[in-house]
Amino acid sequence: MSPTLVVDVGAWSLKAGYASSDSDNTCHVAPNCVAKSRDGKTYVGSQLSQCTDYGEMTFRRPVQKGYVVNWPAEVAVLDNELQSLRCDTADTNLIITEQANAPLQLTQNLDQMVFEHFDFAAVYRTTAPSLNAYNDTRSLFNDPPLADPSAINPADALLVIDSGHSHTTITPLLAGRPINPAIRRLDIGGKHLSNYLAELISLRHFSLIDEPHIVSQIKEDACFLSSDFQSDLEAAKAKDPSIVVDYVLPDYETHHRGFTRPHDPSYRAKMERLGVKQPTDPLATREEVFPLGNERFVVPEILFTPSDIAMPQCGIAETLFQSLSTLPELLWQPFLANILLVGGNTLIPGFIERVERGVRMLAPEDMVVRVRRAENPITSTWQGGCRMAADQDLMKNVLITRQEYQEHGPNWVTRQFAVRRPTNGKDV
């Protein structure tokens, strides 16, 4: 059988690699964007690692609100990564992810791209949560192993919370198959956290609105979810060193990424005594420092209380129960006991505990709640695709060949992807 390439198309990054191994070492993670630096250079996908100055960089991201809307940019990113992987597409099968319940035109655009532009031999198009069901979730939840450890079976019941750059989705899966009417979406993701953080920093210190890459790094380095919001607010007000830290911006000479350090309340006074004034351009001096207090935990809290930014949606825990409310109550327990967290936002310190606390508050008292984060929430979807691809009989049932696409056309392919579901002897 031809080799299988697994591609997880995310709004922030694209994960790609051959299914010969599900090791993180073989997963190629690249920014899913086309970027232009202030000196006019253009970087596509993984080429961004060659950039040494991210100041005033502009980004063109193919994925907006979870959907690929800029196809030329996506083709450019994929083309660059396929060249890096030395992929012979004409002799390669492809597993590629798409957003659940995507509009017909977008799914057919994706089919056209992989079959007509890249000429893949055969393709299976599916959703990211579905692939996560093929990972070893039994050991993650400390469940007894299967009688046959080598068997490739999806989890019987899994509730996937995928919190990424564009949005957060709640997807219940039975035997690896999503229950589409129960899928729920929260329109808050890492992008919204970064935008909110940029606004707060701009109001309190200086403008970083035009520095999205730097703000994203600040979010990754400094933000956390509070276990006691009111207490941490008071601690931040009192300049408690457990909350307030200083952030040193990159100067692109001595260091290319910012970092946190213990707060020095006398720093600004020292600079003023030395005659150093606060610049209008925070990147103009060798070292520019500002304190971060309640911004550190107020920003990620909007994932759980969107009303803080006047967004008329429920938080993650409430959205999860909106999903469960569409299902028979008999199914609640297996889903509540198998909640899997994936996506970049789940790496925020305190995220697991915050989800578990919120779900426990809403769950019936007699039901067990278990929340686990994937070992690597960034590459978990890709790893699941690799495990699925190892079942050759299953792949033969779900793959659609380039010849079938050419003979029957896009409408036929759309119908086939709707009915060609992996079963492994199970059905729902």
Protein backbone atom coordinates (compact mmCIF):
# COMPACT_ATOMS: atom_id res chain seq x y z
CA MET A 1 0.00 0.00 0.00
CA SER A 2 1.18 3.55 -0.73
CA PRO A 3 2.63 5.59 2.15
CA THR A 4 0.14 7.73 4.06
CA LEU A 5 0.71 11.39 4.90
CA VAL A 6 -1.29 12.84 7.79
CA VAL A 7 -1.97 16.60 7.71
CA ASP A 8 -3.77 18.45 10.50
CA VAL A 9 -4.73 21.89 9.20
CA GLY A 10 -4.93 24.30 12.14
CA ALA A 11 -5.49 28.04 12.18
CA TRP A 12 -2.18 28.67 13.96
CA SER A 13 -0.05 25.78 12.75
CA LEU A 14 -0.05 22.94 10.27
CA LYS A 15 1.05 19.49 11.48
CA ALA A 16 2.26 17.06 8.82
CA GLY A 17 4.20 13.83 8.65
CA TYR A 18 4.18 10.28 7.37
CA ALA A 19 2.18 7.67 9.26
CA SER A 20 5.09 5.23 9.48
CA SER A 21 5.53 6.38 13.08
CA ASP A 22 3.37 8.28 15.54
CA SER A 23 6.43 9.76 17.24
CA ASP A 24 6.50 13.53 17.79
CA ASN A 25 9.95 13.50 16.21
CA THR A 26 8.46 12.75 12.80
CA CYS A 27 5.71 15.37 13.02
CA HIS A 28 6.54 18.50 11.05
CA VAL A 29 4.90 21.50 12.80
CA ALA A 30 4.88 24.69 10.73
CA PRO A 31 3.16 28.07 11.13
CA ASN A 32 0.08 28.12 8.90
CA CYS A 33 0.68 31.58 7.52
CA VAL A 34 2.44 33.75 5.00
CA ALA A 35 4.36 36.52 6.78
CA LYS A 36 6.09 39.68 5.63
CA SER A 37 8.77 41.41 7.69
CA ARG A 38 9.37 45.13 7.88
CA ASP A 39 12.37 44.75 5.56
CA GLY A 40 10.05 43.34 2.86
CA LYS A 41 11.00 39.67 3.07
CA THR A 42 8.24 37.06 2.70
CA TYR A 43 8.21 33.86 4.75
CA VAL A 44 5.93 30.92 3.97
CA GLY A 45 5.12 28.36 6.66
CA SER A 46 8.24 26.86 8.25
CA GLN A 47 10.42 29.50 6.54
CA LEU A 48 9.35 31.77 9.41
CA SER A 49 11.98 30.10 11.61
CA GLN A 50 14.62 31.86 9.48
CA CYS A 51 13.32 35.28 10.53
CA THR A 52 15.37 37.12 13.15
CA ASP A 53 13.22 40.24 13.56
CA TYR A 54 9.47 39.88 14.16
CA GLY A 55 8.94 43.59 14.80
CA GLU A 56 6.02 45.06 12.81
CA MET A 57 5.62 41.77 10.94
CA THR A 58 2.34 41.28 9.09
CA PHE A 59 0.65 37.89 8.79
CA ARG A 60 -1.73 36.42 6.25
CA ARG A 61 -3.45 33.37 7.73
CA PRO A 62 -5.38 31.04 5.38
CA VAL A 63 -7.70 29.87 8.17
CA GLN A 64 -10.22 32.32 9.62
CA LYS A 65 -12.82 31.32 12.22
CA GLY A 66 -11.79 27.71 11.71
CA TYR A 67 -12.33 27.61 7.94
CA VAL A 68 -9.83 27.86 5.09
CA VAL A 69 -10.83 31.05 3.28
CA ASN A 70 -7.56 32.03 1.58
CA TRP A 71 -6.82 29.10 -0.71
CA PRO A 72 -3.78 30.58 -2.52
CA ALA A 73 -2.09 31.13 0.84
CA GLU A 74 -2.98 27.62 2.04
CA VAL A 75 -1.65 26.12 -1.20
CA ALA A 76 1.60 28.06 -0.73
CA VAL A 77 2.04 26.80 2.85
CA LEU A 78 1.23 23.19 1.95
CA ASP A 79 3.48 23.30 -1.10
CA ASN A 80 6.39 24.50 1.02
CA GLU A 81 5.87 21.81 3.67
CA LEU A 82 5.40 19.01 1.12
CA GLN A 83 8.70 19.98 -0.46
CA SER A 84 10.35 19.84 2.98
CA LEU A 85 8.93 16.35 3.46
CA ARG A 86 10.00 15.33 -0.08
CA CYS A 87 6.50 14.05 -0.68
CA ASP A 88 5.72 12.28 -3.96
CA THR A 89 2.01 13.10 -3.90
CA ALA A 90 1.14 10.93 -6.92
CA ASP A 91 2.11 7.85 -4.90
CA THR A 92 0.93 9.04 -1.46
CA ASN A 93 -2.36 8.64 0.38
CA LEU A 94 -3.52 11.60 2.45
CA ILE A 95 -5.47 11.97 5.68
CA ILE A 96 -6.40 15.64 6.09
CA THR A 97 -8.56 17.42 8.65
CA GLU A 98 -11.38 19.87 8.10
CA GLN A 99 -13.78 21.78 10.33
CA ALA A 100 -16.93 19.93 11.41
CA ASN A 101 -20.11 20.88 9.55
CA ALA A 102 -18.13 22.96 7.05
CA PRO A 103 -20.05 24.63 4.17
CA LEU A 104 -20.23 22.50 1.02
CA GLN A 105 -18.23 24.94 -1.09
CA LEU A 106 -15.32 24.88 1.35
CA THR A 107 -15.17 21.08 1.50
CA GLN A 108 -15.23 20.87 -2.29
CA ASN A 109 -12.50 23.51 -2.50
CA LEU A 110 -10.40 21.29 -0.23
CA ASP A 111 -11.06 18.25 -2.43
CA GLN A 112 -10.11 20.25 -5.51
CA MET A 113 -6.86 21.39 -3.88
CA VAL A 114 -5.67 17.92 -2.82
CA PHE A 115 -6.81 16.05 -5.93
CA GLU A 116 -6.30 18.59 -8.73
CA HIS A 117 -3.48 20.82 -7.50
CA PHE A 118 -1.41 18.36 -5.47
CA ASP A 119 -2.52 15.14 -7.27
CA PHE A 120 -2.61 12.90 -4.20
CA ALA A 121 -3.22 9.23 -5.00
CA ALA A 122 -6.07 8.88 -2.49
CA VAL A 123 -7.59 11.04 0.25
CA TYR A 124 -9.56 10.67 3.48
CA ARG A 125 -11.05 13.93 4.72
CA THR A 126 -12.19 13.96 8.37
CA THR A 127 -12.47 16.14 11.49
CA ALA A 128 -9.67 16.62 14.01
CA PRO A 129 -11.61 15.34 17.06
CA SER A 130 -12.36 12.07 15.25
CA LEU A 131 -8.66 11.32 14.85
CA ASN A 132 -8.03 11.94 18.55
CA ALA A 133 -10.25 8.96 19.33
CA TYR A 134 -7.61 6.67 17.81
CA ASN A 135 -4.94 7.65 20.34
CA ASP A 136 -4.24 5.55 23.42
CA THR A 137 -6.82 7.26 25.62
CA ARG A 138 -7.20 4.18 27.86
CA SER A 139 -3.79 4.69 29.46
CA LEU A 140 -4.41 8.44 29.66
CA PHE A 141 -7.55 7.82 31.75
CA ASN A 142 -5.94 4.89 33.62
CA ASP A 143 -8.46 2.42 32.21
CA PRO A 144 -7.65 -1.31 31.91
CA PRO A 145 -5.80 -2.14 28.67
CA LEU A 146 -7.50 -3.96 25.83
CA ALA A 147 -7.20 -7.73 25.64
CA ASP A 148 -5.28 -7.22 22.40
CA PRO A 149 -2.89 -4.26 22.94
CA SER A 150 -2.05 -4.18 19.22
CA ALA A 151 -5.70 -3.62 18.21
CA ILE A 152 -6.40 -0.25 16.60
CA ASN A 153 -9.81 0.70 17.93
CA PRO A 154 -11.19 4.17 18.62
CA ALA A 155 -12.32 5.09 22.12
CA ASP A 156 -15.86 3.87 22.85
CA ALA A 157 -16.90 7.30 24.17
CA LEU A 158 -14.86 10.48 24.13
CA LEU A 159 -15.75 14.14 24.62
CA VAL A 160 -13.10 16.27 22.91
CA ILE A 161 -12.58 19.91 23.87
CA ASP A 162 -10.39 21.41 21.14
CA SER A 163 -9.32 24.96 22.00
CA GLY A 164 -7.17 26.45 19.26
CA HIS A 165 -6.28 29.76 17.66
CA SER A 166 -9.67 30.62 16.10
CA HIS A 167 -12.23 29.01 18.37
CA THR A 168 -13.07 26.20 20.79
CA THR A 169 -15.20 23.18 19.88
CA ILE A 170 -16.94 20.52 21.96
CA THR A 171 -17.31 17.21 20.09
CA PRO A 172 -18.83 14.01 21.53
CA LEU A 173 -17.59 10.87 19.77
CA LEU A 174 -18.98 7.34 19.87
CA ALA A 175 -16.57 4.72 18.54
CA GLY A 176 -14.60 7.48 16.84
CA ARG A 177 -17.61 8.96 15.03
CA PRO A 178 -18.77 12.49 15.87
CA ILE A 179 -22.38 13.06 16.88
CA ASN A 180 -22.83 16.06 14.58
CA PRO A 181 -26.03 17.53 16.11
CA ALA A 182 -24.28 17.67 19.49
CA ILE A 183 -21.17 19.52 18.31
CA ARG A 184 -20.94 22.96 19.89
CA ARG A 185 -18.63 25.86 19.15
CA LEU A 186 -17.38 28.73 21.30
CA ASP A 187 -16.10 31.60 19.15
CA ILE A 188 -13.13 32.32 21.41
CA GLY A 189 -9.63 31.02 20.79
CA GLY A 190 -6.02 31.99 21.20
CA LYS A 191 -6.37 34.87 18.75
CA HIS A 192 -9.01 36.52 20.94
CA LEU A 193 -6.85 36.08 24.03
CA SER A 194 -3.92 37.73 22.25
CA ASN A 195 -6.08 40.62 21.01
CA TYR A 196 -7.47 41.21 24.50
CA LEU A 197 -3.98 41.11 26.01
CA ALA A 198 -2.73 43.58 23.39
CA GLU A 199 -5.57 45.97 24.28
CA LEU A 200 -4.80 45.80 28.01
CA ILE A 201 -1.07 46.34 27.49
CA SER A 202 -1.78 49.23 25.11
CA LEU A 203 -4.07 50.89 27.66
CA ARG A 204 -1.69 50.47 30.59
CA HIS A 205 1.77 50.70 29.04
CA PHE A 206 2.36 51.19 25.30
CA SER A 207 0.87 49.98 22.06
CA LEU A 208 1.61 46.46 20.89
CA ILE A 209 -1.44 46.30 18.62
CA ASP A 210 0.81 45.99 15.56
CA GLU A 211 2.98 43.29 17.16
CA PRO A 212 0.75 40.16 17.17
CA HIS A 213 3.68 37.74 17.22
CA ILE A 214 5.19 39.37 20.30
CA VAL A 215 1.84 39.53 22.10
CA SER A 216 1.28 35.85 21.42
CA GLN A 217 4.65 35.08 23.01
CA ILE A 218 3.75 37.20 26.05
CA LYS A 219 0.53 35.20 26.40
CA GLU A 220 2.42 31.92 26.22
CA ASP A 221 5.08 33.04 28.70
CA ALA A 222 2.98 34.80 31.33
CA CYS A 223 -0.72 33.87 31.31
CA PHE A 224 -2.39 31.34 33.61
CA LEU A 225 -5.88 30.43 34.79
CA SER A 226 -6.64 31.39 38.36
CA SER A 227 -7.91 28.90 40.93
CA ASP A 228 -9.17 31.79 43.11
CA PHE A 229 -9.97 34.76 40.89
CA GLN A 230 -10.92 37.26 43.61
CA SER A 231 -7.91 36.41 45.76
CA ASP A 232 -5.56 36.80 42.80
CA LEU A 233 -7.14 40.16 41.92
CA GLU A 234 -6.35 41.39 45.43
CA ALA A 235 -2.83 39.97 45.22
CA ALA A 236 -2.25 41.74 41.90
CA LYS A 237 -3.48 45.02 43.39
CA ALA A 238 -1.04 44.59 46.28
CA LYS A 239 1.83 43.89 43.81
CA ASP A 240 2.28 40.41 45.23
CA PRO A 241 5.40 38.92 43.56
CA SER A 242 3.56 35.62 43.10
CA ILE A 243 1.31 37.42 40.60
CA VAL A 244 3.13 40.51 39.31
CA VAL A 245 6.11 39.91 37.03
CA ASP A 246 8.13 42.06 34.67
CA TYR A 247 8.19 41.25 30.98
CA VAL A 248 11.29 42.08 28.95
CA LEU A 249 10.54 42.64 25.27
CA PRO A 250 12.87 41.27 22.59
CA ASP A 251 15.40 43.72 21.18
CA TYR A 252 16.42 41.42 18.27
CA GLU A 253 20.07 41.98 19.09
CA THR A 254 20.81 40.33 22.44
CA HIS A 255 17.64 38.21 22.55
CA HIS A 256 15.00 37.39 19.94
CA ARG A 257 12.21 36.37 22.30
CA GLY A 258 10.87 38.18 25.34
CA PHE A 259 10.89 36.69 28.82
CA THR A 260 9.49 37.18 32.32
CA ARG A 261 11.52 38.01 35.40
CA PRO A 262 10.69 38.94 39.02
CA HIS A 263 9.01 42.31 39.32
CA ASP A 264 11.28 45.22 40.24
CA PRO A 265 9.02 48.11 41.36
CA SER A 266 11.97 50.51 41.35
CA TYR A 267 13.00 49.75 37.77
CA ARG A 268 11.21 52.68 36.16
CA ALA A 269 12.46 55.10 38.81
CA LYS A 270 16.02 53.88 38.21
CA MET A 271 15.63 54.48 34.48
CA GLU A 272 14.26 57.97 35.08
CA ARG A 273 17.22 58.81 37.34
CA LEU A 274 19.52 57.65 34.54
CA GLY A 275 17.65 59.91 32.13
CA VAL A 276 16.00 57.09 30.17
CA LYS A 277 12.46 58.04 29.17
CA GLN A 278 9.63 55.76 28.17
CA PRO A 279 9.87 55.55 24.36
CA THR A 280 6.90 55.72 22.06
CA ASP A 281 8.29 52.67 20.27
CA PRO A 282 8.76 49.93 22.87
CA LEU A 283 11.24 48.16 20.59
CA ALA A 284 13.48 51.20 20.17
CA THR A 285 15.81 50.55 23.16
CA ARG A 286 17.97 47.59 23.99
CA GLU A 287 15.81 46.58 26.96
CA GLU A 288 12.20 47.61 27.44
CA VAL A 289 10.35 46.30 30.48
CA PHE A 290 6.78 46.57 31.74
CA PRO A 291 4.93 44.87 34.61
CA LEU A 292 2.17 42.30 34.14
CA GLY A 293 -0.35 41.86 36.94
CA ASN A 294 -3.98 40.85 36.65
CA GLU A 295 -3.61 40.70 32.85
CA ARG A 296 -1.95 37.33 33.37
CA PHE A 297 -5.17 35.62 34.52
CA VAL A 298 -7.91 38.02 33.40
CA VAL A 299 -7.12 37.35 29.72
CA PRO A 300 -7.49 33.52 29.62
CA GLU A 301 -10.56 33.74 31.88
CA ILE A 302 -12.62 34.89 28.88
CA LEU A 303 -12.62 31.28 27.68
CA PHE A 304 -14.83 30.53 30.67
CA THR A 305 -16.66 33.85 31.05
CA PRO A 306 -17.02 35.40 27.55
CA SER A 307 -19.32 38.05 29.02
CA ASP A 308 -16.16 39.74 30.34
CA ILE A 309 -15.59 41.00 26.78
CA ALA A 310 -19.31 41.46 26.06
CA MET A 311 -19.54 38.29 23.97
CA PRO A 312 -23.05 36.77 24.25
CA GLN A 313 -21.89 33.16 24.57
CA CYS A 314 -21.48 30.62 27.34
CA GLY A 315 -18.09 29.55 28.62
CA ILE A 316 -16.47 26.18 28.02
CA ALA A 317 -18.21 24.31 30.85
CA GLU A 318 -21.67 25.63 30.00
CA THR A 319 -21.12 24.96 26.28
CA LEU A 320 -20.16 21.39 27.13
CA PHE A 321 -23.50 20.87 28.85
CA GLN A 322 -25.31 22.46 25.92
CA SER A 323 -23.75 19.67 23.87
CA LEU A 324 -24.75 16.95 26.35
CA SER A 325 -28.30 18.29 26.58
CA THR A 326 -28.93 17.14 23.00
CA LEU A 327 -28.10 13.54 23.95
CA PRO A 328 -29.95 10.91 26.00
CA GLU A 329 -28.99 11.25 29.66
CA LEU A 330 -27.83 7.63 29.54
CA LEU A 331 -24.82 8.84 27.52
CA TRP A 332 -23.82 11.62 29.90
CA GLN A 333 -21.76 9.46 32.24
CA PRO A 334 -19.45 7.87 29.63
CA PHE A 335 -18.79 11.28 28.12
CA LEU A 336 -18.24 13.09 31.44
CA ALA A 337 -15.77 10.37 32.45
CA ASN A 338 -13.77 10.78 29.23
CA ILE A 339 -13.17 14.48 28.57
CA LEU A 340 -10.05 15.00 26.45
CA LEU A 341 -8.37 18.40 26.06
CA VAL A 342 -6.43 19.23 22.88
CA GLY A 343 -5.28 22.43 21.21
CA GLY A 344 -2.74 25.10 22.13
CA ASN A 345 -4.87 26.91 24.72
CA THR A 346 -5.02 23.78 26.88
CA LEU A 347 -1.31 24.33 27.64
CA ILE A 348 -2.17 27.44 29.66
CA PRO A 349 -1.30 26.60 33.30
CA GLY A 350 -4.45 25.83 35.27
CA PHE A 351 -6.56 24.98 32.20
CA ILE A 352 -7.20 21.36 33.18
CA GLU A 353 -8.21 22.27 36.72
CA ARG A 354 -10.42 25.13 35.51
CA VAL A 355 -12.33 22.86 33.11
CA GLU A 356 -12.74 20.11 35.70
CA ARG A 357 -13.97 22.54 38.36
CA GLY A 358 -16.47 24.12 35.98
CA VAL A 359 -17.83 20.78 34.76
CA ARG A 360 -18.12 19.34 38.28
CA MET A 361 -20.21 22.33 39.35
CA LEU A 362 -22.76 21.60 36.60
CA ALA A 363 -22.66 17.79 36.50
CA PRO A 364 -25.12 15.61 38.44
CA GLU A 365 -23.62 14.70 41.82
CA ASP A 366 -23.71 10.96 41.16
CA MET A 367 -21.67 11.17 37.93
CA VAL A 368 -17.90 10.76 37.67
CA VAL A 369 -16.02 13.59 35.95
CA ARG A 370 -12.56 12.92 34.51
CA VAL A 371 -10.62 15.51 32.53
CA ARG A 372 -7.31 14.74 30.86
CA ARG A 373 -5.07 16.65 28.51
CA ALA A 374 -3.45 14.81 25.62
CA GLU A 375 0.24 14.10 26.16
CA ASN A 376 0.97 16.56 23.37
CA PRO A 377 -2.16 18.63 22.70
CA ILE A 378 -0.54 20.23 19.64
CA THR A 379 0.24 17.01 17.75
CA SER A 380 -2.43 14.75 19.29
CA THR A 381 -4.68 14.91 16.22
CA TRP A 382 -1.78 14.04 13.93
CA GLN A 383 -0.77 11.12 16.16
CA GLY A 384 -4.33 9.78 16.07
CA GLY A 385 -4.26 9.93 12.29
CA CYS A 386 -1.03 7.95 12.26
CA ARG A 387 -2.54 5.22 14.44
CA MET A 388 -5.63 5.08 12.27
CA ALA A 389 -3.53 4.78 9.11
CA ALA A 390 -1.85 1.67 10.53
CA ASP A 391 -5.12 -0.25 9.99
CA GLN A 392 -4.84 -0.94 6.26
CA ASP A 393 -8.25 -2.62 5.98
CA LEU A 394 -9.90 0.43 7.52
CA MET A 395 -8.01 2.77 5.19
CA LYS A 396 -9.11 0.83 2.12
CA ASN A 397 -12.72 1.40 3.17
CA VAL A 398 -12.46 5.16 3.68
CA LEU A 399 -9.96 6.38 1.07
CA ILE A 400 -11.23 7.94 -2.14
CA THR A 401 -8.81 7.68 -5.05
CA ARG A 402 -7.87 10.38 -7.52
CA GLN A 403 -9.30 8.20 -10.28
CA GLU A 404 -12.69 8.06 -8.49
CA TYR A 405 -12.61 11.85 -8.10
CA GLN A 406 -11.89 12.30 -11.80
CA GLU A 407 -14.57 9.80 -12.87
CA HIS A 408 -17.42 10.84 -10.56
CA GLY A 409 -16.77 14.49 -9.73
CA PRO A 410 -16.87 16.58 -6.52
CA ASN A 411 -20.55 16.03 -5.63
CA TRP A 412 -20.10 12.25 -5.62
CA VAL A 413 -16.98 12.60 -3.47
CA THR A 414 -18.87 14.76 -0.98
CA ARG A 415 -21.58 12.11 -0.64
CA GLN A 416 -19.00 9.35 -0.26
CA PHE A 417 -17.13 11.12 2.53
CA ALA A 418 -20.46 11.44 4.34
CA VAL A 419 -21.06 7.66 4.29
CA ARG A 420 -17.55 6.19 4.29
CA ARG A 421 -16.95 6.05 8.01
CA PRO A 422 -14.37 3.90 9.83
CA THR A 423 -16.16 1.27 11.91
CA ASN A 424 -13.65 -1.33 13.14
CA GLY A 425 -16.58 -3.63 13.68
CA LYS A 426 -18.46 -1.02 15.71
CA ASP A 427 -21.41 1.10 14.71
CA VAL A 428 -23.48 3.86 16.28
